[in-house]
Amino acid sequence: MNDRLASTSDFLLELYSDAADCHPEAFRLRTLERLTKLIDFDFAVWGGGAAESRDVTDLVTYEQSPAILHDWSQVADQDAFCDITLGQLGKAARFDDIQNYRDSIAYNDHWRRFGARQMMATISAEPLDGYVSFVGLCSEARTNVFCDASRMMKNVIVPHLSAALRINRQSSLMRHGRESEAIGLVDRGGWILVGLDRFSELAREEGALSNRLPHGMWEGLAQTGAWQGTALLASAERRGAHYLVRLTPLGAFARLTPREMEIVRSYVTGLTFREIATELAIAPSTVRNHIANIFEKLHVASRTELVQLHLATFGQFTAPDTPKAPGASP
């Protein structure tokens, strides 16, 4: 008993230590690997998504292919195991809690195909409205390896996993973001997992609901890595399983079209009309006309005044690096 308590204490100490230092994806993998010393299992899944649609938008797998949950969407609506786990949020459920579960389509067409003959899973409600996280531990053995003691241990551990993951994501953002920068960590479904400064507030100004980026914004970021709304500029870059999204209020620049903003970002760096035209594959005369319109809209009379306004709005003379589209290599 004392050894068990000591092992649990060591696990929790290492958990919170790693939360402050590790990359989010590496953090979850290291945590699951250490968890094998407390609970016997062969592979695991740890992620999150929308409870109502059962859409998994954030996932890390340990000793298993991500296809185990990507393919699960085909049977998700018929999976009684998901039903019972959603019905007792925060408490571990097992396959054996459901009578005749191994006769079900979900088990035979999906879980057994991936070698998950036993599973103990917990779904937890998160601060994001409609978003849940889950931790599933799986065994390839036919005999029930997840005894009551294992279930009790998992019920104790899971709240710490959720708390440590939030710390980990916050710490990761603070390492990447500058002071007072509106930066957020977003999953592939557009859910705002954590944000710094005014990130969520600015996102709501562009129509975000329930801590999820507006569909149009996220669709634009997914296609090009950059997006311009009525009051914001947004950029996204891949960080493992997530995306770093930066939001910048446009201020006076909100009067400009996306094409005009492209030209501004090049013009304030010192490029000539011809160089901008080559960069954007348009005629130099078209660039000249755009610049004239930009000056009129922003009430500036020279490149110097435009640079000063750009600096006052965005805090930089040079344009930001072109962001990589979500899905591109980091």
C-alpha atoms as a PDB file:
ATOM      1  CA  MET A   1       0.000   0.000   0.000  1.00  0.00           C
ATOM      2  CA  ASN A   2       2.810   2.408   0.906  1.00  0.00           C
ATOM      3  CA  ASP A   3       4.602   1.575  -2.363  1.00  0.00           C
ATOM      4  CA  ARG A   4       1.416   2.348  -4.276  1.00  0.00           C
ATOM      5  CA  LEU A   5       1.057   5.732  -2.581  1.00  0.00           C
ATOM      6  CA  ALA A   6       4.709   6.543  -3.197  1.00  0.00           C
ATOM      7  CA  SER A   7       4.401   5.639  -6.886  1.00  0.00           C
ATOM      8  CA  THR A   8       1.297   7.811  -7.240  1.00  0.00           C
ATOM      9  CA  SER A   9       3.004  10.716  -5.497  1.00  0.00           C
ATOM     10  CA  ASP A  10       6.047  10.416  -7.786  1.00  0.00           C
ATOM     11  CA  PHE A  11       3.792  10.291 -10.832  1.00  0.00           C
ATOM     12  CA  LEU A  12       1.973  13.495  -9.839  1.00  0.00           C
ATOM     13  CA  LEU A  13       5.192  15.360  -9.070  1.00  0.00           C
ATOM     14  CA  GLU A  14       6.619  14.457 -12.476  1.00  0.00           C
ATOM     15  CA  LEU A  15       3.297  15.263 -14.134  1.00  0.00           C
ATOM     16  CA  TYR A  16       3.264  18.878 -12.964  1.00  0.00           C
ATOM     17  CA  SER A  17       6.983  19.297 -13.560  1.00  0.00           C
ATOM     18  CA  ASP A  18       6.608  18.184 -17.189  1.00  0.00           C
ATOM     19  CA  ALA A  19       3.522  20.373 -17.611  1.00  0.00           C
ATOM     20  CA  ALA A  20       5.665  23.489 -17.243  1.00  0.00           C
ATOM     21  CA  ASP A  21       8.455  22.359 -19.559  1.00  0.00           C
ATOM     22  CA  CYS A  22       7.254  19.991 -22.303  1.00  0.00           C
ATOM     23  CA  HIS A  23       5.783  20.548 -25.741  1.00  0.00           C
ATOM     24  CA  PRO A  24       2.040  19.693 -25.455  1.00  0.00           C
ATOM     25  CA  GLU A  25       2.214  16.581 -27.637  1.00  0.00           C
ATOM     26  CA  ALA A  26       5.362  15.276 -25.945  1.00  0.00           C
ATOM     27  CA  PHE A  27       3.790  16.015 -22.559  1.00  0.00           C
ATOM     28  CA  ARG A  28       0.841  13.715 -23.184  1.00  0.00           C
ATOM     29  CA  LEU A  29       2.992  10.930 -24.588  1.00  0.00           C
ATOM     30  CA  ARG A  30       5.428  11.042 -21.648  1.00  0.00           C
ATOM     31  CA  THR A  31       2.535  11.102 -19.195  1.00  0.00           C
ATOM     32  CA  LEU A  32       0.852   8.052 -20.758  1.00  0.00           C
ATOM     33  CA  GLU A  33       4.138   6.161 -20.770  1.00  0.00           C
ATOM     34  CA  ARG A  34       4.632   6.822 -17.043  1.00  0.00           C
ATOM     35  CA  LEU A  35       1.012   5.927 -16.350  1.00  0.00           C
ATOM     36  CA  THR A  36       1.781   2.328 -17.395  1.00  0.00           C
ATOM     37  CA  LYS A  37       3.645   2.011 -14.076  1.00  0.00           C
ATOM     38  CA  LEU A  38       0.420   2.699 -12.164  1.00  0.00           C
ATOM     39  CA  ILE A  39      -2.157   0.991 -14.399  1.00  0.00           C
ATOM     40  CA  ASP A  40      -1.525  -1.989 -16.669  1.00  0.00           C
ATOM     41  CA  PHE A  41      -2.482  -1.240 -20.305  1.00  0.00           C
ATOM     42  CA  ASP A  42      -1.088  -1.809 -23.821  1.00  0.00           C
ATOM     43  CA  PHE A  43      -2.009   1.404 -25.633  1.00  0.00           C
ATOM     44  CA  ALA A  44      -3.936   4.596 -25.009  1.00  0.00           C
ATOM     45  CA  VAL A  45      -5.740   7.574 -26.541  1.00  0.00           C
ATOM     46  CA  TRP A  46      -5.904  11.087 -25.083  1.00  0.00           C
ATOM     47  CA  GLY A  47      -7.777  13.873 -26.796  1.00  0.00           C
ATOM     48  CA  GLY A  48     -10.875  15.998 -27.028  1.00  0.00           C
ATOM     49  CA  GLY A  49     -13.692  17.219 -29.216  1.00  0.00           C
ATOM     50  CA  ALA A  50     -17.329  18.178 -29.471  1.00  0.00           C
ATOM     51  CA  ALA A  51     -19.592  16.116 -27.206  1.00  0.00           C
ATOM     52  CA  GLU A  52     -22.769  16.459 -29.251  1.00  0.00           C
ATOM     53  CA  SER A  53     -21.311  15.546 -32.650  1.00  0.00           C
ATOM     54  CA  ARG A  54     -18.700  13.110 -31.223  1.00  0.00           C
ATOM     55  CA  ASP A  55     -16.175  14.763 -33.516  1.00  0.00           C
ATOM     56  CA  VAL A  56     -12.616  14.177 -32.255  1.00  0.00           C
ATOM     57  CA  THR A  57     -10.579  17.277 -33.134  1.00  0.00           C
ATOM     58  CA  ASP A  58      -7.572  16.795 -30.837  1.00  0.00           C
ATOM     59  CA  LEU A  59      -5.800  13.461 -30.430  1.00  0.00           C
ATOM     60  CA  VAL A  60      -2.584  11.897 -29.177  1.00  0.00           C
ATOM     61  CA  THR A  61      -2.174   8.106 -29.281  1.00  0.00           C
ATOM     62  CA  TYR A  62       0.298   6.027 -27.319  1.00  0.00           C
ATOM     63  CA  GLU A  63       1.496   2.762 -28.945  1.00  0.00           C
ATOM     64  CA  GLN A  64      -1.387   2.899 -31.429  1.00  0.00           C
ATOM     65  CA  SER A  65      -2.320   4.450 -34.797  1.00  0.00           C
ATOM     66  CA  PRO A  66      -4.390   7.665 -34.783  1.00  0.00           C
ATOM     67  CA  ALA A  67      -6.758   5.777 -37.099  1.00  0.00           C
ATOM     68  CA  ILE A  68      -8.258   4.151 -34.014  1.00  0.00           C
ATOM     69  CA  LEU A  69     -10.317   7.308 -33.450  1.00  0.00           C
ATOM     70  CA  HIS A  70     -10.304   8.748 -36.951  1.00  0.00           C
ATOM     71  CA  ASP A  71     -12.075   5.570 -38.114  1.00  0.00           C
ATOM     72  CA  TRP A  72     -14.299   5.511 -35.034  1.00  0.00           C
ATOM     73  CA  SER A  73     -16.496   8.213 -36.586  1.00  0.00           C
ATOM     74  CA  GLN A  74     -18.104   5.486 -38.692  1.00  0.00           C
ATOM     75  CA  VAL A  75     -19.599   3.803 -35.598  1.00  0.00           C
ATOM     76  CA  ALA A  76     -19.605   6.723 -33.127  1.00  0.00           C
ATOM     77  CA  ASP A  77     -23.377   7.209 -33.140  1.00  0.00           C
ATOM     78  CA  GLN A  78     -23.913   3.487 -32.425  1.00  0.00           C
ATOM     79  CA  ASP A  79     -21.312   3.109 -29.685  1.00  0.00           C
ATOM     80  CA  ALA A  80     -23.002   2.335 -26.365  1.00  0.00           C
ATOM     81  CA  PHE A  81     -19.637   2.615 -24.629  1.00  0.00           C
ATOM     82  CA  CYS A  82     -19.449   6.291 -25.598  1.00  0.00           C
ATOM     83  CA  ASP A  83     -23.050   6.708 -24.401  1.00  0.00           C
ATOM     84  CA  ILE A  84     -22.337   5.357 -20.927  1.00  0.00           C
ATOM     85  CA  THR A  85     -19.054   7.300 -20.604  1.00  0.00           C
ATOM     86  CA  LEU A  86     -20.715  10.568 -21.615  1.00  0.00           C
ATOM     87  CA  GLY A  87     -23.482   9.791 -19.125  1.00  0.00           C
ATOM     88  CA  GLN A  88     -21.066   9.652 -16.182  1.00  0.00           C
ATOM     89  CA  LEU A  89     -18.620  12.469 -16.864  1.00  0.00           C
ATOM     90  CA  GLY A  90     -15.463  12.304 -14.804  1.00  0.00           C
ATOM     91  CA  LYS A  91     -15.863   8.613 -13.913  1.00  0.00           C
ATOM     92  CA  ALA A  92     -14.065   5.711 -15.542  1.00  0.00           C
ATOM     93  CA  ALA A  93     -16.169   3.227 -17.524  1.00  0.00           C
ATOM     94  CA  ARG A  94     -15.174  -0.222 -18.844  1.00  0.00           C
ATOM     95  CA  PHE A  95     -16.356  -2.359 -21.733  1.00  0.00           C
ATOM     96  CA  ASP A  96     -17.529  -4.898 -19.171  1.00  0.00           C
ATOM     97  CA  ASP A  97     -19.911  -2.341 -17.645  1.00  0.00           C
ATOM     98  CA  ILE A  98     -22.187  -2.880 -20.655  1.00  0.00           C
ATOM     99  CA  GLN A  99     -24.004  -6.163 -20.986  1.00  0.00           C
ATOM    100  CA  ASN A 100     -23.298  -7.942 -24.296  1.00  0.00           C
ATOM    101  CA  TYR A 101     -21.141  -5.045 -25.504  1.00  0.00           C
ATOM    102  CA  ARG A 102     -18.882  -7.482 -27.370  1.00  0.00           C
ATOM    103  CA  ASP A 103     -21.818  -8.429 -29.559  1.00  0.00           C
ATOM    104  CA  SER A 104     -22.183  -4.816 -30.740  1.00  0.00           C
ATOM    105  CA  ILE A 105     -21.234  -3.375 -34.126  1.00  0.00           C
ATOM    106  CA  ALA A 106     -18.996  -0.763 -32.484  1.00  0.00           C
ATOM    107  CA  TYR A 107     -16.937  -3.432 -30.728  1.00  0.00           C
ATOM    108  CA  ASN A 108     -16.711  -5.975 -33.557  1.00  0.00           C
ATOM    109  CA  ASP A 109     -16.360  -3.590 -36.502  1.00  0.00           C
ATOM    110  CA  HIS A 110     -14.043  -1.149 -34.777  1.00  0.00           C
ATOM    111  CA  TRP A 111     -12.451  -1.698 -31.366  1.00  0.00           C
ATOM    112  CA  ARG A 112     -11.601  -5.370 -31.845  1.00  0.00           C
ATOM    113  CA  ARG A 113     -10.060  -4.542 -35.231  1.00  0.00           C
ATOM    114  CA  PHE A 114      -7.509  -2.347 -33.414  1.00  0.00           C
ATOM    115  CA  GLY A 115      -6.878  -4.932 -30.683  1.00  0.00           C
ATOM    116  CA  ALA A 116      -8.862  -3.090 -27.994  1.00  0.00           C
ATOM    117  CA  ARG A 117     -10.457  -6.078 -26.286  1.00  0.00           C
ATOM    118  CA  GLN A 118     -10.620  -4.200 -22.991  1.00  0.00           C
ATOM    119  CA  MET A 119     -10.944  -0.466 -22.437  1.00  0.00           C
ATOM    120  CA  MET A 120     -11.250   1.833 -19.474  1.00  0.00           C
ATOM    121  CA  ALA A 121     -12.151   5.378 -20.517  1.00  0.00           C
ATOM    122  CA  THR A 122     -13.029   8.658 -18.839  1.00  0.00           C
ATOM    123  CA  ILE A 123     -14.707  11.645 -20.486  1.00  0.00           C
ATOM    124  CA  SER A 124     -14.422  14.985 -18.685  1.00  0.00           C
ATOM    125  CA  ALA A 125     -16.236  18.262 -19.289  1.00  0.00           C
ATOM    126  CA  GLU A 126     -13.866  21.136 -20.052  1.00  0.00           C
ATOM    127  CA  PRO A 127     -14.321  24.905 -19.510  1.00  0.00           C
ATOM    128  CA  LEU A 128     -15.152  25.223 -23.232  1.00  0.00           C
ATOM    129  CA  ASP A 129     -18.899  25.007 -23.729  1.00  0.00           C
ATOM    130  CA  GLY A 130     -19.741  21.744 -25.538  1.00  0.00           C
ATOM    131  CA  TYR A 131     -16.146  20.492 -25.514  1.00  0.00           C
ATOM    132  CA  VAL A 132     -15.007  17.374 -23.646  1.00  0.00           C
ATOM    133  CA  SER A 133     -11.692  15.632 -23.153  1.00  0.00           C
ATOM    134  CA  PHE A 134     -11.115  11.896 -22.852  1.00  0.00           C
ATOM    135  CA  VAL A 135      -8.457   9.440 -21.748  1.00  0.00           C
ATOM    136  CA  GLY A 136      -8.886   5.834 -22.850  1.00  0.00           C
ATOM    137  CA  LEU A 137      -6.624   2.992 -21.721  1.00  0.00           C
ATOM    138  CA  CYS A 138      -6.792  -0.201 -23.777  1.00  0.00           C
ATOM    139  CA  SER A 139      -5.664  -3.799 -23.342  1.00  0.00           C
ATOM    140  CA  GLU A 140      -5.235  -6.527 -25.939  1.00  0.00           C
ATOM    141  CA  ALA A 141      -5.964  -9.207 -23.329  1.00  0.00           C
ATOM    142  CA  ARG A 142      -9.354 -10.931 -23.262  1.00  0.00           C
ATOM    143  CA  THR A 143      -9.356 -11.211 -19.483  1.00  0.00           C
ATOM    144  CA  ASN A 144     -10.447  -8.156 -17.516  1.00  0.00           C
ATOM    145  CA  VAL A 145      -7.209  -6.397 -16.572  1.00  0.00           C
ATOM    146  CA  PHE A 146      -9.009  -3.254 -15.439  1.00  0.00           C
ATOM    147  CA  CYS A 147     -10.013  -4.236 -11.923  1.00  0.00           C
ATOM    148  CA  ASP A 148     -11.800  -2.018  -9.391  1.00  0.00           C
ATOM    149  CA  ALA A 149      -8.457  -0.855  -8.001  1.00  0.00           C
ATOM    150  CA  SER A 150      -7.401   0.294 -11.486  1.00  0.00           C
ATOM    151  CA  ARG A 151     -10.690   2.101 -11.931  1.00  0.00           C
ATOM    152  CA  MET A 152     -10.241   3.851  -8.572  1.00  0.00           C
ATOM    153  CA  MET A 153      -6.696   4.876  -9.518  1.00  0.00           C
ATOM    154  CA  LYS A 154      -7.868   6.301 -12.840  1.00  0.00           C
ATOM    155  CA  ASN A 155     -10.649   8.272 -11.148  1.00  0.00           C
ATOM    156  CA  VAL A 156      -8.014   9.835  -8.895  1.00  0.00           C
ATOM    157  CA  ILE A 157      -5.531  10.551 -11.702  1.00  0.00           C
ATOM    158  CA  VAL A 158      -7.725  11.960 -14.490  1.00  0.00           C
ATOM    159  CA  PRO A 159      -8.553  15.333 -12.825  1.00  0.00           C
ATOM    160  CA  HIS A 160      -4.808  15.874 -12.441  1.00  0.00           C
ATOM    161  CA  LEU A 161      -4.248  15.009 -16.108  1.00  0.00           C
ATOM    162  CA  SER A 162      -6.783  17.659 -17.148  1.00  0.00           C
ATOM    163  CA  ALA A 163      -5.361  20.306 -14.805  1.00  0.00           C
ATOM    164  CA  ALA A 164      -1.774  19.597 -15.842  1.00  0.00           C
ATOM    165  CA  LEU A 165      -2.669  19.709 -19.538  1.00  0.00           C
ATOM    166  CA  ARG A 166      -4.193  23.170 -19.116  1.00  0.00           C
ATOM    167  CA  ILE A 167      -0.990  24.311 -17.372  1.00  0.00           C
ATOM    168  CA  ASN A 168       1.073  22.761 -20.154  1.00  0.00           C
ATOM    169  CA  ARG A 169      -0.835  24.532 -22.917  1.00  0.00           C
ATOM    170  CA  GLN A 170      -0.667  27.869 -21.112  1.00  0.00           C
ATOM    171  CA  SER A 171       3.080  27.481 -20.577  1.00  0.00           C
ATOM    172  CA  SER A 172       3.606  26.564 -24.218  1.00  0.00           C
ATOM    173  CA  LEU A 173       1.743  29.678 -25.381  1.00  0.00           C
ATOM    174  CA  MET A 174       3.751  31.912 -23.080  1.00  0.00           C
ATOM    175  CA  ARG A 175       6.955  30.565 -24.644  1.00  0.00           C
ATOM    176  CA  HIS A 176       5.762  31.417 -28.167  1.00  0.00           C
ATOM    177  CA  GLY A 177       3.844  34.642 -27.583  1.00  0.00           C
ATOM    178  CA  ARG A 178       5.126  38.160 -27.062  1.00  0.00           C
ATOM    179  CA  GLU A 179       3.897  40.432 -24.296  1.00  0.00           C
ATOM    180  CA  SER A 180       0.298  41.587 -24.808  1.00  0.00           C
ATOM    181  CA  GLU A 181      -0.010  39.502 -27.977  1.00  0.00           C
ATOM    182  CA  ALA A 182      -3.397  37.933 -28.696  1.00  0.00           C
ATOM    183  CA  ILE A 183      -2.267  34.373 -29.366  1.00  0.00           C
ATOM    184  CA  GLY A 184      -4.179  31.129 -28.909  1.00  0.00           C
ATOM    185  CA  LEU A 185      -3.642  27.388 -29.124  1.00  0.00           C
ATOM    186  CA  VAL A 186      -6.315  25.941 -31.400  1.00  0.00           C
ATOM    187  CA  ASP A 187      -7.078  22.343 -32.337  1.00  0.00           C
ATOM    188  CA  ARG A 188      -7.845  21.136 -35.856  1.00  0.00           C
ATOM    189  CA  GLY A 189     -11.553  21.746 -35.328  1.00  0.00           C
ATOM    190  CA  GLY A 190     -11.037  25.421 -34.491  1.00  0.00           C
ATOM    191  CA  TRP A 191     -11.595  25.007 -30.727  1.00  0.00           C
ATOM    192  CA  ILE A 192      -9.655  27.586 -28.687  1.00  0.00           C
ATOM    193  CA  LEU A 193      -7.877  25.373 -26.159  1.00  0.00           C
ATOM    194  CA  VAL A 194      -6.195  28.309 -24.431  1.00  0.00           C
ATOM    195  CA  GLY A 195      -5.563  31.956 -25.276  1.00  0.00           C
ATOM    196  CA  LEU A 196      -3.369  34.794 -24.051  1.00  0.00           C
ATOM    197  CA  ASP A 197      -4.264  38.436 -23.565  1.00  0.00           C
ATOM    198  CA  ARG A 198      -7.466  39.365 -25.462  1.00  0.00           C
ATOM    199  CA  PHE A 199      -7.518  36.358 -27.801  1.00  0.00           C
ATOM    200  CA  SER A 200     -10.997  35.008 -26.977  1.00  0.00           C
ATOM    201  CA  GLU A 201     -12.453  38.524 -26.733  1.00  0.00           C
ATOM    202  CA  LEU A 202     -11.145  39.474 -30.172  1.00  0.00           C
ATOM    203  CA  ALA A 203     -12.346  36.184 -31.647  1.00  0.00           C
ATOM    204  CA  ARG A 204     -15.844  36.856 -30.310  1.00  0.00           C
ATOM    205  CA  GLU A 205     -15.817  40.261 -32.010  1.00  0.00           C
ATOM    206  CA  GLU A 206     -15.508  38.356 -35.286  1.00  0.00           C
ATOM    207  CA  GLY A 207     -18.325  35.968 -34.394  1.00  0.00           C
ATOM    208  CA  ALA A 208     -16.687  33.229 -32.330  1.00  0.00           C
ATOM    209  CA  LEU A 209     -19.105  31.253 -30.166  1.00  0.00           C
ATOM    210  CA  SER A 210     -18.378  28.925 -27.241  1.00  0.00           C
ATOM    211  CA  ASN A 211     -14.610  29.375 -27.519  1.00  0.00           C
ATOM    212  CA  ARG A 212     -14.527  28.149 -31.105  1.00  0.00           C
ATOM    213  CA  LEU A 213     -13.228  30.210 -34.020  1.00  0.00           C
ATOM    214  CA  PRO A 214     -15.907  31.244 -36.521  1.00  0.00           C
ATOM    215  CA  HIS A 215     -16.231  28.710 -39.328  1.00  0.00           C
ATOM    216  CA  GLY A 216     -15.292  31.220 -42.018  1.00  0.00           C
ATOM    217  CA  MET A 217     -12.184  32.324 -40.144  1.00  0.00           C
ATOM    218  CA  TRP A 218     -10.976  28.787 -39.491  1.00  0.00           C
ATOM    219  CA  GLU A 219     -11.744  27.700 -43.055  1.00  0.00           C
ATOM    220  CA  GLY A 220      -9.653  30.595 -44.371  1.00  0.00           C
ATOM    221  CA  LEU A 221      -6.779  29.806 -42.019  1.00  0.00           C
ATOM    222  CA  ALA A 222      -6.923  26.128 -43.007  1.00  0.00           C
ATOM    223  CA  GLN A 223      -6.611  27.025 -46.673  1.00  0.00           C
ATOM    224  CA  THR A 224      -3.891  29.680 -46.596  1.00  0.00           C
ATOM    225  CA  GLY A 225      -2.647  30.176 -43.032  1.00  0.00           C
ATOM    226  CA  ALA A 226      -3.894  33.773 -43.102  1.00  0.00           C
ATOM    227  CA  TRP A 227      -7.284  35.472 -42.882  1.00  0.00           C
ATOM    228  CA  GLN A 228      -8.666  39.019 -42.761  1.00  0.00           C
ATOM    229  CA  GLY A 229     -12.030  39.877 -41.246  1.00  0.00           C
ATOM    230  CA  THR A 230     -13.864  43.108 -40.646  1.00  0.00           C
ATOM    231  CA  ALA A 231     -11.743  44.060 -37.638  1.00  0.00           C
ATOM    232  CA  LEU A 232      -8.962  41.462 -37.403  1.00  0.00           C
ATOM    233  CA  LEU A 233      -6.011  39.917 -39.140  1.00  0.00           C
ATOM    234  CA  ALA A 234      -5.378  36.253 -38.230  1.00  0.00           C
ATOM    235  CA  SER A 235      -2.488  33.911 -38.976  1.00  0.00           C
ATOM    236  CA  ALA A 236      -1.960  30.249 -38.118  1.00  0.00           C
ATOM    237  CA  GLU A 237       1.095  28.028 -37.920  1.00  0.00           C
ATOM    238  CA  ARG A 238       1.316  24.318 -37.113  1.00  0.00           C
ATOM    239  CA  ARG A 239       2.688  23.208 -33.743  1.00  0.00           C
ATOM    240  CA  GLY A 240       2.466  19.422 -33.555  1.00  0.00           C
ATOM    241  CA  ALA A 241      -1.182  18.411 -33.294  1.00  0.00           C
ATOM    242  CA  HIS A 242      -2.267  22.034 -32.730  1.00  0.00           C
ATOM    243  CA  TYR A 243      -2.028  25.461 -34.313  1.00  0.00           C
ATOM    244  CA  LEU A 244      -0.729  28.749 -32.979  1.00  0.00           C
ATOM    245  CA  VAL A 245      -3.195  31.414 -34.076  1.00  0.00           C
ATOM    246  CA  ARG A 246      -2.399  35.107 -33.762  1.00  0.00           C
ATOM    247  CA  LEU A 247      -5.070  37.786 -33.897  1.00  0.00           C
ATOM    248  CA  THR A 248      -4.274  41.429 -34.619  1.00  0.00           C
ATOM    249  CA  PRO A 249      -6.855  44.253 -34.526  1.00  0.00           C
ATOM    250  CA  LEU A 250      -6.841  46.117 -37.829  1.00  0.00           C
ATOM    251  CA  GLY A 251      -7.688  49.549 -36.419  1.00  0.00           C
ATOM    252  CA  ALA A 252      -7.695  52.062 -39.272  1.00  0.00           C
ATOM    253  CA  PHE A 253      -6.561  49.286 -41.619  1.00  0.00           C
ATOM    254  CA  ALA A 254     -10.014  47.691 -41.278  1.00  0.00           C
ATOM    255  CA  ARG A 255     -11.050  50.004 -44.113  1.00  0.00           C
ATOM    256  CA  LEU A 256      -8.782  48.134 -46.532  1.00  0.00           C
ATOM    257  CA  THR A 257      -9.547  45.075 -48.619  1.00  0.00           C
ATOM    258  CA  PRO A 258      -7.475  41.871 -48.212  1.00  0.00           C
ATOM    259  CA  ARG A 259      -5.605  42.706 -51.448  1.00  0.00           C
ATOM    260  CA  GLU A 260      -4.832  46.221 -50.216  1.00  0.00           C
ATOM    261  CA  MET A 261      -3.512  44.755 -46.947  1.00  0.00           C
ATOM    262  CA  GLU A 262      -1.211  42.454 -48.945  1.00  0.00           C
ATOM    263  CA  ILE A 263       0.177  45.504 -50.721  1.00  0.00           C
ATOM    264  CA  VAL A 264       0.563  47.430 -47.457  1.00  0.00           C
ATOM    265  CA  ARG A 265       2.533  44.585 -45.879  1.00  0.00           C
ATOM    266  CA  SER A 266       4.964  44.661 -48.808  1.00  0.00           C
ATOM    267  CA  TYR A 267       5.058  48.432 -49.245  1.00  0.00           C
ATOM    268  CA  VAL A 268       6.008  49.217 -45.636  1.00  0.00           C
ATOM    269  CA  THR A 269       9.057  46.938 -45.960  1.00  0.00           C
ATOM    270  CA  GLY A 270      10.449  49.230 -48.696  1.00  0.00           C
ATOM    271  CA  LEU A 271       9.563  47.238 -51.826  1.00  0.00           C
ATOM    272  CA  THR A 272       9.034  49.235 -55.042  1.00  0.00           C
ATOM    273  CA  PHE A 273       5.846  49.174 -57.115  1.00  0.00           C
ATOM    274  CA  ARG A 274       7.569  46.854 -59.597  1.00  0.00           C
ATOM    275  CA  GLU A 275       8.798  44.480 -56.893  1.00  0.00           C
ATOM    276  CA  ILE A 276       5.324  44.297 -55.342  1.00  0.00           C
ATOM    277  CA  ALA A 277       3.805  43.725 -58.787  1.00  0.00           C
ATOM    278  CA  THR A 278       6.186  40.802 -59.382  1.00  0.00           C
ATOM    279  CA  GLU A 279       5.462  39.365 -55.958  1.00  0.00           C
ATOM    280  CA  LEU A 280       1.679  39.515 -56.463  1.00  0.00           C
ATOM    281  CA  ALA A 281       1.662  38.779 -60.214  1.00  0.00           C
ATOM    282  CA  ILE A 282      -0.107  42.038 -61.091  1.00  0.00           C
ATOM    283  CA  ALA A 283       0.840  45.104 -63.165  1.00  0.00           C
ATOM    284  CA  PRO A 284       2.919  47.912 -61.583  1.00  0.00           C
ATOM    285  CA  SER A 285       0.183  50.354 -62.583  1.00  0.00           C
ATOM    286  CA  THR A 286      -2.308  48.282 -60.578  1.00  0.00           C
ATOM    287  CA  VAL A 287      -0.045  48.518 -57.539  1.00  0.00           C
ATOM    288  CA  ARG A 288       0.188  52.300 -58.043  1.00  0.00           C
ATOM    289  CA  ASN A 289      -3.619  52.578 -58.141  1.00  0.00           C
ATOM    290  CA  HIS A 290      -3.950  50.455 -55.000  1.00  0.00           C
ATOM    291  CA  ILE A 291      -1.423  52.615 -53.153  1.00  0.00           C
ATOM    292  CA  ALA A 292      -3.351  55.742 -54.105  1.00  0.00           C
ATOM    293  CA  ASN A 293      -6.576  54.217 -52.770  1.00  0.00           C
ATOM    294  CA  ILE A 294      -4.808  53.076 -49.597  1.00  0.00           C
ATOM    295  CA  PHE A 295      -3.445  56.581 -48.945  1.00  0.00           C
ATOM    296  CA  GLU A 296      -6.923  58.056 -49.409  1.00  0.00           C
ATOM    297  CA  LYS A 297      -8.631  55.514 -47.110  1.00  0.00           C
ATOM    298  CA  LEU A 298      -6.018  55.882 -44.371  1.00  0.00           C
ATOM    299  CA  HIS A 299      -5.564  59.643 -44.726  1.00  0.00           C
ATOM    300  CA  VAL A 300      -1.800  59.406 -45.208  1.00  0.00           C
ATOM    301  CA  ALA A 301       0.300  61.214 -47.814  1.00  0.00           C
ATOM    302  CA  SER A 302       3.548  59.247 -47.970  1.00  0.00           C
ATOM    303  CA  ARG A 303       5.221  55.892 -47.373  1.00  0.00           C
ATOM    304  CA  THR A 304       6.717  57.332 -44.171  1.00  0.00           C
ATOM    305  CA  GLU A 305       3.284  58.178 -42.767  1.00  0.00           C
ATOM    306  CA  LEU A 306       1.991  54.733 -43.752  1.00  0.00           C
ATOM    307  CA  VAL A 307       4.928  53.067 -41.995  1.00  0.00           C
ATOM    308  CA  GLN A 308       4.274  55.116 -38.850  1.00  0.00           C
ATOM    309  CA  LEU A 309       0.582  54.132 -38.869  1.00  0.00           C
ATOM    310  CA  HIS A 310       1.514  50.500 -39.459  1.00  0.00           C
ATOM    311  CA  LEU A 311       3.917  50.632 -36.531  1.00  0.00           C
ATOM    312  CA  ALA A 312       1.330  52.220 -34.248  1.00  0.00           C
ATOM    313  CA  THR A 313      -1.258  49.576 -35.186  1.00  0.00           C
ATOM    314  CA  PHE A 314       0.780  46.383 -35.432  1.00  0.00           C
ATOM    315  CA  GLY A 315       3.897  47.190 -33.405  1.00  0.00           C
ATOM    316  CA  GLN A 316       6.319  46.434 -36.220  1.00  0.00           C
ATOM    317  CA  PHE A 317       7.772  48.097 -39.320  1.00  0.00           C
ATOM    318  CA  THR A 318       8.253  44.890 -41.271  1.00  0.00           C
ATOM    319  CA  ALA A 319       5.483  42.527 -42.255  1.00  0.00           C
ATOM    320  CA  PRO A 320       5.134  39.350 -40.254  1.00  0.00           C
ATOM    321  CA  ASP A 321       6.582  36.162 -41.688  1.00  0.00           C
ATOM    322  CA  THR A 322       4.190  34.451 -44.078  1.00  0.00           C
ATOM    323  CA  PRO A 323       2.421  31.864 -41.913  1.00  0.00           C
ATOM    324  CA  LYS A 324       2.400  28.219 -42.887  1.00  0.00           C
ATOM    325  CA  ALA A 325      -0.945  26.768 -43.727  1.00  0.00           C
ATOM    326  CA  PRO A 326      -2.388  24.361 -41.143  1.00  0.00           C
ATOM    327  CA  GLY A 327      -1.331  20.867 -42.134  1.00  0.00           C
ATOM    328  CA  ALA A 328       2.066  21.975 -43.507  1.00  0.00           C
ATOM    329  CA  SER A 329       5.263  20.728 -41.944  1.00  0.00           C
ATOM    330  CA  PRO A 330       6.327  22.782 -38.921  1.00  0.00           C
END
